[in-house]
């Protein structure tokens, strides 16, 4: 069960996922890995809307693969204000059944175009994580173990639009 998985933050503090959404809604973002240019670009968009999520009373949490040092660099370089957790063994990615793509999927025109846009926005590719072919995901969970929304990426760049996540989170708060 996703709630029972324990991950660490860049400072090696252990965090049980279910504790994050026990009392308030959480938008849980699974990134491919901390070095992914597309994930870095998406994290920047999430950062830009962080205050909007906070104003709703919704926590934004990102989970990525790789080491703690890469997570720390990811947070520091991008000035990420929300918690970032490390899933070194990809346990949470397995539980949510994150999809995986072929290596040549990065050569699809829409993926290349997304990478070019990220480059033009100032992003750079970093060191890859343990499985650079695993896709990302987004979930809105809580309070409690109530799943309000689930999105499993179908491609390397197929992230839930941040505005859509914000609308879903707002609806979740209104319903509570």
N, C-alpha and C. Protein backbone atom coordinates (compact mmCIF):
# COMPACT_ATOMS: atom_id res chain seq x y z
N UNK A 1 0.85 -1.18 0.00
CA UNK A 1 0.00 0.00 0.00
C UNK A 1 0.89 1.24 0.00
N UNK A 2 0.55 2.21 -0.80
CA UNK A 2 1.34 3.42 -0.95
C UNK A 2 1.54 4.14 0.38
N UNK A 3 0.51 4.18 1.21
CA UNK A 3 0.58 4.90 2.48
C UNK A 3 1.66 4.36 3.41
N UNK A 4 2.00 3.08 3.27
CA UNK A 4 2.96 2.44 4.18
C UNK A 4 4.41 2.56 3.73
N UNK A 5 4.63 3.08 2.55
CA UNK A 5 6.01 3.20 2.05
C UNK A 5 6.73 4.33 2.78
N UNK A 6 7.96 4.07 3.16
CA UNK A 6 8.79 5.07 3.85
C UNK A 6 9.91 5.49 2.90
N UNK A 7 9.99 6.79 2.64
CA UNK A 7 11.04 7.36 1.80
C UNK A 7 11.87 8.30 2.66
N UNK A 8 12.90 8.89 2.06
CA UNK A 8 13.72 9.86 2.79
C UNK A 8 13.74 11.18 2.03
N UNK A 9 13.99 12.25 2.78
CA UNK A 9 14.18 13.55 2.14
C UNK A 9 15.69 13.73 1.89
N UNK A 10 16.11 14.83 1.30
CA UNK A 10 17.54 15.02 1.01
C UNK A 10 18.42 15.02 2.26
N UNK A 11 17.83 15.27 3.43
CA UNK A 11 18.61 15.26 4.68
C UNK A 11 18.56 13.92 5.38
N UNK A 12 18.01 12.90 4.73
CA UNK A 12 17.91 11.53 5.23
C UNK A 12 16.86 11.37 6.33
N UNK A 13 15.90 12.28 6.41
CA UNK A 13 14.78 12.14 7.35
C UNK A 13 13.78 11.18 6.73
N UNK A 14 13.40 10.18 7.49
CA UNK A 14 12.45 9.18 7.01
C UNK A 14 11.03 9.75 7.05
N UNK A 15 10.27 9.50 5.99
CA UNK A 15 8.90 10.00 5.88
C UNK A 15 8.00 8.86 5.40
N UNK A 16 7.00 8.53 6.23
CA UNK A 16 5.98 7.56 5.82
C UNK A 16 4.96 8.31 4.97
N UNK A 17 4.73 7.85 3.75
CA UNK A 17 3.88 8.60 2.83
C UNK A 17 2.49 8.85 3.39
N UNK A 18 1.86 7.88 4.00
CA UNK A 18 0.51 8.05 4.52
C UNK A 18 0.39 9.14 5.57
N UNK A 19 1.49 9.42 6.28
CA UNK A 19 1.47 10.50 7.27
C UNK A 19 1.31 11.86 6.61
N UNK A 20 1.72 11.96 5.36
CA UNK A 20 1.65 13.24 4.65
C UNK A 20 0.20 13.66 4.38
N UNK A 21 -0.64 12.68 4.09
CA UNK A 21 -2.03 13.01 3.75
C UNK A 21 -3.03 12.56 4.81
N UNK A 22 -2.56 12.27 5.99
CA UNK A 22 -3.45 11.83 7.06
C UNK A 22 -4.48 12.89 7.42
N UNK A 23 -4.07 14.16 7.44
CA UNK A 23 -4.96 15.22 7.91
C UNK A 23 -5.24 16.32 6.90
N UNK A 24 -4.56 16.28 5.77
CA UNK A 24 -4.82 17.30 4.76
C UNK A 24 -4.57 16.71 3.37
N UNK A 25 -5.19 17.27 2.35
CA UNK A 25 -4.96 16.78 1.00
C UNK A 25 -3.52 17.02 0.55
N UNK A 26 -3.05 16.11 -0.29
CA UNK A 26 -1.70 16.19 -0.84
C UNK A 26 -1.77 15.97 -2.35
N UNK A 27 -1.02 16.78 -3.08
CA UNK A 27 -0.77 16.51 -4.49
C UNK A 27 0.60 15.86 -4.52
N UNK A 28 0.62 14.58 -4.87
CA UNK A 28 1.84 13.78 -4.89
C UNK A 28 2.30 13.61 -6.33
N UNK A 29 3.46 14.15 -6.62
CA UNK A 29 4.01 14.11 -7.98
C UNK A 29 5.17 13.11 -8.01
N UNK A 30 5.09 12.15 -8.89
CA UNK A 30 6.21 11.23 -9.11
C UNK A 30 6.97 11.72 -10.34
N UNK A 31 8.20 12.12 -10.10
CA UNK A 31 9.08 12.55 -11.19
C UNK A 31 9.84 11.33 -11.71
N UNK A 32 10.32 11.40 -12.92
CA UNK A 32 11.10 10.29 -13.46
C UNK A 32 12.42 10.17 -12.70
N UNK A 33 13.20 11.22 -12.71
CA UNK A 33 14.44 11.27 -11.93
C UNK A 33 14.87 12.72 -11.82
N UNK A 34 15.74 13.01 -10.86
CA UNK A 34 16.11 14.39 -10.57
C UNK A 34 16.92 15.05 -11.67
N UNK A 35 17.53 14.28 -12.54
CA UNK A 35 18.32 14.86 -13.63
C UNK A 35 17.54 15.10 -14.90
N UNK A 36 16.33 14.61 -14.98
CA UNK A 36 15.50 14.70 -16.19
C UNK A 36 15.19 16.16 -16.52
N UNK A 37 15.54 16.59 -17.70
CA UNK A 37 15.29 17.97 -18.11
C UNK A 37 13.80 18.29 -18.10
N UNK A 38 12.98 17.33 -18.48
CA UNK A 38 11.54 17.55 -18.50
C UNK A 38 10.97 17.61 -17.09
N UNK A 39 11.51 16.79 -16.19
CA UNK A 39 11.08 16.82 -14.77
C UNK A 39 11.51 18.13 -14.12
N UNK A 40 12.69 18.60 -14.45
CA UNK A 40 13.17 19.86 -13.90
C UNK A 40 12.27 21.01 -14.34
N UNK A 41 11.89 20.97 -15.60
CA UNK A 41 11.01 22.02 -16.13
C UNK A 41 9.63 21.96 -15.46
N UNK A 42 9.10 20.76 -15.29
CA UNK A 42 7.81 20.58 -14.64
C UNK A 42 7.87 21.02 -13.18
N UNK A 43 8.95 20.69 -12.51
CA UNK A 43 9.11 21.11 -11.11
C UNK A 43 9.11 22.64 -11.00
N UNK A 44 9.67 23.31 -11.99
CA UNK A 44 9.64 24.77 -12.00
C UNK A 44 8.22 25.30 -12.11
N UNK A 45 7.40 24.65 -12.93
CA UNK A 45 5.99 25.06 -13.05
C UNK A 45 5.26 24.81 -11.74
N UNK A 46 5.52 23.68 -11.10
CA UNK A 46 4.90 23.39 -9.80
C UNK A 46 5.34 24.42 -8.76
N UNK A 47 6.62 24.77 -8.78
CA UNK A 47 7.15 25.78 -7.86
C UNK A 47 6.39 27.10 -8.03
N UNK A 48 6.12 27.47 -9.27
CA UNK A 48 5.46 28.75 -9.55
C UNK A 48 4.02 28.78 -9.02
N UNK A 49 3.40 27.61 -8.83
CA UNK A 49 2.04 27.53 -8.32
C UNK A 49 1.99 27.07 -6.85
N UNK A 50 3.14 26.88 -6.24
CA UNK A 50 3.18 26.36 -4.88
C UNK A 50 2.32 27.18 -3.91
N UNK A 51 2.42 28.49 -3.98
CA UNK A 51 1.65 29.35 -3.07
C UNK A 51 0.15 29.15 -3.26
N UNK A 52 -0.29 28.87 -4.48
CA UNK A 52 -1.71 28.63 -4.73
C UNK A 52 -2.18 27.35 -4.05
N UNK A 53 -1.36 26.30 -4.12
CA UNK A 53 -1.70 25.06 -3.42
C UNK A 53 -1.75 25.29 -1.91
N UNK A 54 -0.75 25.99 -1.40
CA UNK A 54 -0.68 26.28 0.04
C UNK A 54 -1.89 27.09 0.49
N UNK A 55 -2.32 28.05 -0.32
CA UNK A 55 -3.47 28.88 0.04
C UNK A 55 -4.74 28.04 0.16
N UNK A 56 -4.80 26.93 -0.58
CA UNK A 56 -5.95 26.02 -0.48
C UNK A 56 -5.85 25.11 0.73
N UNK A 57 -4.67 25.03 1.33
CA UNK A 57 -4.45 24.07 2.41
C UNK A 57 -4.06 22.71 1.90
N UNK A 58 -3.48 22.66 0.71
CA UNK A 58 -3.07 21.42 0.07
C UNK A 58 -1.55 21.39 -0.01
N UNK A 59 -0.96 20.27 0.43
CA UNK A 59 0.50 20.12 0.36
C UNK A 59 0.90 19.57 -0.99
N UNK A 60 1.97 20.09 -1.51
CA UNK A 60 2.56 19.62 -2.75
C UNK A 60 3.82 18.85 -2.37
N UNK A 61 3.94 17.61 -2.84
CA UNK A 61 5.08 16.75 -2.51
C UNK A 61 5.57 16.13 -3.82
N UNK A 62 6.89 16.12 -4.01
CA UNK A 62 7.47 15.46 -5.19
C UNK A 62 8.31 14.27 -4.74
N UNK A 63 8.26 13.21 -5.53
CA UNK A 63 9.06 12.01 -5.30
C UNK A 63 9.88 11.78 -6.56
N UNK A 64 11.17 11.58 -6.38
CA UNK A 64 12.04 11.31 -7.51
C UNK A 64 12.99 10.17 -7.21
N UNK A 65 13.67 9.73 -8.24
CA UNK A 65 14.63 8.63 -8.07
C UNK A 65 16.05 9.18 -8.17
N UNK A 66 16.95 8.46 -7.57
CA UNK A 66 18.34 8.89 -7.52
C UNK A 66 18.78 9.03 -6.08
N UNK A 67 19.95 9.55 -5.87
CA UNK A 67 20.49 9.70 -4.52
C UNK A 67 20.05 10.98 -3.85
N UNK A 68 20.27 11.02 -2.53
CA UNK A 68 19.91 12.21 -1.75
C UNK A 68 20.67 13.44 -2.20
N UNK A 69 21.93 13.27 -2.60
CA UNK A 69 22.72 14.43 -3.04
C UNK A 69 22.12 15.05 -4.31
N UNK A 70 21.57 14.21 -5.18
CA UNK A 70 20.94 14.74 -6.40
C UNK A 70 19.62 15.43 -6.06
N UNK A 71 18.92 14.90 -5.08
CA UNK A 71 17.68 15.55 -4.63
C UNK A 71 18.01 16.92 -4.03
N UNK A 72 19.05 16.99 -3.23
CA UNK A 72 19.46 18.26 -2.61
C UNK A 72 19.82 19.27 -3.69
N UNK A 73 20.59 18.88 -4.68
CA UNK A 73 20.96 19.78 -5.78
C UNK A 73 19.71 20.21 -6.55
N UNK A 74 18.82 19.27 -6.78
CA UNK A 74 17.56 19.54 -7.48
C UNK A 74 16.77 20.63 -6.76
N UNK A 75 16.64 20.49 -5.44
CA UNK A 75 15.90 21.45 -4.62
C UNK A 75 16.61 22.80 -4.60
N UNK A 76 17.91 22.79 -4.35
CA UNK A 76 18.67 24.04 -4.22
C UNK A 76 18.75 24.81 -5.53
N UNK A 77 19.06 24.11 -6.63
CA UNK A 77 19.21 24.78 -7.93
C UNK A 77 17.89 25.37 -8.43
N UNK A 78 16.78 24.69 -8.15
CA UNK A 78 15.48 25.12 -8.66
C UNK A 78 14.68 25.91 -7.64
N UNK A 79 15.26 26.07 -6.45
CA UNK A 79 14.57 26.79 -5.37
C UNK A 79 13.17 26.21 -5.12
N UNK A 80 13.14 24.89 -4.97
CA UNK A 80 11.89 24.18 -4.77
C UNK A 80 11.44 24.39 -3.32
N UNK A 81 10.25 24.98 -3.10
CA UNK A 81 9.79 25.27 -1.74
C UNK A 81 9.00 24.13 -1.08
N UNK A 82 8.67 23.10 -1.84
CA UNK A 82 7.87 22.00 -1.30
C UNK A 82 8.77 20.79 -1.04
N UNK A 83 8.31 19.87 -0.18
CA UNK A 83 9.13 18.70 0.12
C UNK A 83 9.40 17.84 -1.10
N UNK A 84 10.62 17.35 -1.16
CA UNK A 84 11.05 16.43 -2.22
C UNK A 84 11.60 15.18 -1.53
N UNK A 85 11.09 14.04 -1.93
CA UNK A 85 11.49 12.77 -1.33
C UNK A 85 12.21 11.90 -2.34
N UNK A 86 13.05 11.03 -1.83
CA UNK A 86 13.86 10.14 -2.67
C UNK A 86 13.32 8.72 -2.58
N UNK A 87 13.04 8.15 -3.74
CA UNK A 87 12.59 6.76 -3.84
C UNK A 87 13.69 5.98 -4.55
N UNK A 88 14.73 5.70 -3.84
CA UNK A 88 15.94 5.07 -4.41
C UNK A 88 15.63 3.73 -5.07
N UNK A 89 14.76 2.93 -4.43
CA UNK A 89 14.45 1.60 -4.96
C UNK A 89 13.19 1.57 -5.82
N UNK A 90 12.60 2.74 -6.02
CA UNK A 90 11.41 2.88 -6.86
C UNK A 90 10.20 2.11 -6.31
N UNK A 91 10.15 1.93 -4.99
CA UNK A 91 9.05 1.20 -4.37
C UNK A 91 7.70 1.87 -4.61
N UNK A 92 7.64 3.20 -4.43
CA UNK A 92 6.37 3.89 -4.63
C UNK A 92 5.98 3.90 -6.10
N UNK A 93 6.96 4.00 -6.99
CA UNK A 93 6.67 3.96 -8.42
C UNK A 93 6.05 2.61 -8.80
N UNK A 94 6.52 1.54 -8.16
CA UNK A 94 5.97 0.21 -8.44
C UNK A 94 4.54 0.10 -7.91
N UNK A 95 4.29 0.60 -6.70
CA UNK A 95 2.96 0.50 -6.10
C UNK A 95 1.93 1.25 -6.94
N UNK A 96 2.28 2.42 -7.46
CA UNK A 96 1.32 3.17 -8.26
C UNK A 96 1.25 2.66 -9.70
N UNK A 97 2.12 1.71 -10.01
CA UNK A 97 2.18 1.10 -11.35
C UNK A 97 2.55 2.10 -12.43
N UNK A 98 3.55 2.92 -12.10
CA UNK A 98 4.06 3.87 -13.10
C UNK A 98 4.52 3.10 -14.33
N UNK A 99 4.16 3.63 -15.46
CA UNK A 99 4.50 2.98 -16.73
C UNK A 99 5.97 3.18 -17.05
N UNK A 100 6.45 2.40 -17.99
CA UNK A 100 7.83 2.51 -18.43
C UNK A 100 7.85 2.55 -19.95
N UNK A 101 8.76 3.36 -20.48
CA UNK A 101 8.85 3.50 -21.92
C UNK A 101 10.15 2.95 -22.48
N UNK A 102 10.21 2.84 -23.79
CA UNK A 102 11.43 2.37 -24.45
C UNK A 102 12.45 3.51 -24.52
N UNK A 103 13.71 3.16 -24.65
CA UNK A 103 14.75 4.19 -24.72
C UNK A 103 14.52 5.11 -25.90
N UNK A 104 14.03 4.58 -27.02
CA UNK A 104 13.86 5.41 -28.21
C UNK A 104 12.65 6.34 -28.11
N UNK A 105 11.86 6.20 -27.03
CA UNK A 105 10.72 7.09 -26.82
C UNK A 105 11.14 8.54 -26.65
N UNK A 106 12.39 8.75 -26.22
CA UNK A 106 12.88 10.13 -26.07
C UNK A 106 13.08 10.80 -27.43
N UNK A 107 13.04 10.02 -28.49
CA UNK A 107 13.23 10.56 -29.84
C UNK A 107 11.92 10.92 -30.53
N UNK A 108 10.80 10.73 -29.86
CA UNK A 108 9.52 11.12 -30.46
C UNK A 108 9.50 12.63 -30.63
N UNK A 109 8.93 13.11 -31.72
CA UNK A 109 8.92 14.56 -31.97
C UNK A 109 8.34 15.39 -30.82
N UNK A 110 7.24 14.95 -30.22
CA UNK A 110 6.64 15.75 -29.14
C UNK A 110 7.52 15.77 -27.89
N UNK A 111 8.27 14.69 -27.65
CA UNK A 111 9.19 14.66 -26.51
C UNK A 111 10.39 15.56 -26.80
N UNK A 112 10.91 15.49 -28.01
CA UNK A 112 12.02 16.36 -28.38
C UNK A 112 11.61 17.83 -28.33
N UNK A 113 10.40 18.12 -28.77
CA UNK A 113 9.91 19.50 -28.73
C UNK A 113 9.79 19.98 -27.28
N UNK A 114 9.29 19.14 -26.39
CA UNK A 114 9.20 19.50 -24.98
C UNK A 114 10.59 19.74 -24.39
N UNK A 115 11.56 18.93 -24.79
CA UNK A 115 12.93 19.11 -24.30
C UNK A 115 13.54 20.41 -24.83
N UNK A 116 13.24 20.74 -26.07
CA UNK A 116 13.74 22.01 -26.64
C UNK A 116 13.14 23.19 -25.88
N UNK A 117 11.84 23.13 -25.60
CA UNK A 117 11.20 24.21 -24.83
C UNK A 117 11.83 24.33 -23.44
N UNK A 118 12.13 23.20 -22.82
CA UNK A 118 12.78 23.23 -21.50
C UNK A 118 14.18 23.84 -21.60
N UNK A 119 14.91 23.47 -22.65
CA UNK A 119 16.25 24.06 -22.87
C UNK A 119 16.15 25.57 -23.06
N UNK A 120 15.19 25.99 -23.86
CA UNK A 120 15.02 27.42 -24.11
C UNK A 120 14.62 28.18 -22.83
N UNK A 121 13.99 27.45 -21.89
CA UNK A 121 13.61 28.06 -20.61
C UNK A 121 14.77 28.05 -19.61
N UNK A 122 15.92 27.50 -20.03
CA UNK A 122 17.10 27.51 -19.17
C UNK A 122 17.40 26.22 -18.45
N UNK A 123 16.62 25.18 -18.69
CA UNK A 123 16.87 23.90 -18.03
C UNK A 123 17.98 23.13 -18.72
N UNK A 124 18.62 22.25 -17.97
CA UNK A 124 19.68 21.39 -18.50
C UNK A 124 19.47 19.98 -18.00
N UNK A 125 19.86 19.01 -18.81
CA UNK A 125 19.80 17.61 -18.40
C UNK A 125 20.87 17.36 -17.35
N UNK A 126 20.51 16.61 -16.31
CA UNK A 126 21.46 16.25 -15.27
C UNK A 126 21.71 14.75 -15.30
N UNK A 127 22.30 14.25 -14.23
CA UNK A 127 22.59 12.82 -14.12
C UNK A 127 21.29 12.05 -13.99
N UNK A 128 21.20 10.92 -14.69
CA UNK A 128 19.98 10.12 -14.66
C UNK A 128 19.88 9.30 -13.38
N UNK A 129 18.66 8.92 -13.07
CA UNK A 129 18.39 8.10 -11.90
C UNK A 129 18.53 6.63 -12.24
N UNK A 130 18.09 5.76 -11.31
CA UNK A 130 18.27 4.32 -11.50
C UNK A 130 17.49 3.74 -12.67
N UNK A 131 16.39 4.35 -13.05
CA UNK A 131 15.62 3.87 -14.20
C UNK A 131 15.08 5.08 -14.94
N UNK A 132 15.83 5.60 -15.90
CA UNK A 132 15.40 6.80 -16.62
C UNK A 132 14.23 6.58 -17.57
N UNK A 133 13.79 5.33 -17.70
CA UNK A 133 12.70 5.03 -18.63
C UNK A 133 11.34 4.90 -17.95
N UNK A 134 11.32 5.05 -16.63
CA UNK A 134 10.06 5.00 -15.88
C UNK A 134 9.38 6.36 -16.02
N UNK A 135 8.10 6.35 -16.32
CA UNK A 135 7.34 7.59 -16.47
C UNK A 135 6.91 8.12 -15.11
N UNK A 136 6.47 9.36 -15.09
CA UNK A 136 5.99 9.99 -13.87
C UNK A 136 4.51 9.77 -13.65
N UNK A 137 4.00 10.44 -12.62
CA UNK A 137 2.58 10.31 -12.26
C UNK A 137 2.19 11.46 -11.35
N UNK A 138 0.89 11.62 -11.15
CA UNK A 138 0.37 12.62 -10.21
C UNK A 138 -0.87 12.04 -9.53
N UNK A 139 -0.96 12.27 -8.23
CA UNK A 139 -2.11 11.82 -7.45
C UNK A 139 -2.54 12.93 -6.52
N UNK A 140 -3.85 13.01 -6.28
CA UNK A 140 -4.38 13.88 -5.24
C UNK A 140 -5.02 12.94 -4.22
N UNK A 141 -4.48 13.00 -2.99
CA UNK A 141 -4.87 12.04 -1.95
C UNK A 141 -5.18 12.81 -0.66
N UNK A 142 -6.20 12.35 0.05
CA UNK A 142 -6.46 12.83 1.40
C UNK A 142 -7.52 13.92 1.47
N UNK A 143 -7.84 14.27 2.71
CA UNK A 143 -7.29 13.71 3.94
C UNK A 143 -7.68 12.25 4.11
N UNK A 144 -6.84 11.53 4.84
CA UNK A 144 -7.00 10.08 4.96
C UNK A 144 -6.57 9.41 3.66
N UNK A 145 -6.85 8.15 3.54
CA UNK A 145 -6.43 7.39 2.35
C UNK A 145 -7.47 7.46 1.24
N UNK A 146 -7.98 8.65 0.98
CA UNK A 146 -8.98 8.86 -0.07
C UNK A 146 -8.25 9.34 -1.32
N UNK A 147 -8.36 8.57 -2.38
CA UNK A 147 -7.74 8.94 -3.65
C UNK A 147 -8.76 9.73 -4.46
N UNK A 148 -8.44 10.99 -4.75
CA UNK A 148 -9.34 11.86 -5.52
C UNK A 148 -9.00 11.89 -7.00
N UNK A 149 -7.73 11.61 -7.31
CA UNK A 149 -7.29 11.77 -8.71
C UNK A 149 -6.02 10.96 -8.91
N UNK A 150 -5.90 10.32 -10.06
CA UNK A 150 -4.68 9.59 -10.41
C UNK A 150 -4.38 9.80 -11.89
N UNK A 151 -3.15 10.13 -12.18
CA UNK A 151 -2.68 10.33 -13.55
C UNK A 151 -1.36 9.59 -13.68
N UNK A 152 -1.30 8.66 -14.60
CA UNK A 152 -0.05 7.96 -14.92
C UNK A 152 0.41 8.44 -16.29
N UNK A 153 1.57 9.03 -16.33
CA UNK A 153 2.08 9.57 -17.59
C UNK A 153 2.14 8.48 -18.65
N UNK A 154 1.81 8.85 -19.89
CA UNK A 154 1.87 7.93 -21.02
C UNK A 154 3.10 8.16 -21.90
N UNK A 155 3.96 9.09 -21.46
CA UNK A 155 5.13 9.43 -22.25
C UNK A 155 6.13 10.12 -21.33
N UNK A 156 7.29 10.44 -21.86
CA UNK A 156 8.32 11.07 -21.05
C UNK A 156 7.97 12.50 -20.64
N UNK A 157 7.12 13.15 -21.38
CA UNK A 157 6.79 14.55 -21.09
C UNK A 157 5.32 14.74 -20.69
N UNK A 158 4.59 13.68 -20.55
CA UNK A 158 3.14 13.70 -20.37
C UNK A 158 2.75 13.96 -18.91
N UNK A 159 2.98 15.18 -18.42
CA UNK A 159 2.65 15.52 -17.05
C UNK A 159 1.26 16.15 -16.95
N UNK A 160 0.61 15.95 -15.82
CA UNK A 160 -0.67 16.60 -15.58
C UNK A 160 -0.46 18.11 -15.62
N UNK A 161 -1.25 18.86 -16.37
CA UNK A 161 -1.13 20.31 -16.33
C UNK A 161 -1.32 20.82 -14.89
N UNK A 162 -0.46 21.72 -14.48
CA UNK A 162 -0.48 22.21 -13.10
C UNK A 162 -1.82 22.87 -12.78
N UNK A 163 -2.38 23.61 -13.72
CA UNK A 163 -3.68 24.25 -13.49
C UNK A 163 -4.77 23.22 -13.23
N UNK A 164 -4.69 22.08 -13.92
CA UNK A 164 -5.65 21.00 -13.71
C UNK A 164 -5.50 20.43 -12.29
N UNK A 165 -4.27 20.23 -11.85
CA UNK A 165 -4.03 19.76 -10.48
C UNK A 165 -4.59 20.74 -9.45
N UNK A 166 -4.40 22.01 -9.72
CA UNK A 166 -4.89 23.04 -8.81
C UNK A 166 -6.42 23.00 -8.74
N UNK A 167 -7.08 22.84 -9.87
CA UNK A 167 -8.55 22.76 -9.90
C UNK A 167 -9.05 21.52 -9.14
N UNK A 168 -8.38 20.40 -9.34
CA UNK A 168 -8.76 19.16 -8.65
C UNK A 168 -8.56 19.31 -7.15
N UNK A 169 -7.44 19.91 -6.76
CA UNK A 169 -7.16 20.13 -5.35
C UNK A 169 -8.20 21.05 -4.72
N UNK A 170 -8.60 22.09 -5.45
CA UNK A 170 -9.62 23.02 -4.94
C UNK A 170 -10.94 22.28 -4.75
N UNK A 171 -11.30 21.43 -5.68
CA UNK A 171 -12.53 20.64 -5.56
C UNK A 171 -12.47 19.69 -4.39
N UNK A 172 -11.31 19.13 -4.15
CA UNK A 172 -11.10 18.23 -3.03
C UNK A 172 -11.31 18.95 -1.71
N UNK A 173 -10.81 20.17 -1.62
CA UNK A 173 -10.96 20.98 -0.40
C UNK A 173 -12.43 21.36 -0.20
N UNK A 174 -13.09 21.74 -1.28
CA UNK A 174 -14.51 22.13 -1.18
C UNK A 174 -15.37 20.96 -0.72
N UNK A 175 -15.02 19.76 -1.16
CA UNK A 175 -15.79 18.56 -0.83
C UNK A 175 -15.58 18.12 0.62
N UNK A 176 -14.48 18.53 1.21
CA UNK A 176 -14.16 18.06 2.58
C UNK A 176 -15.00 18.75 3.63
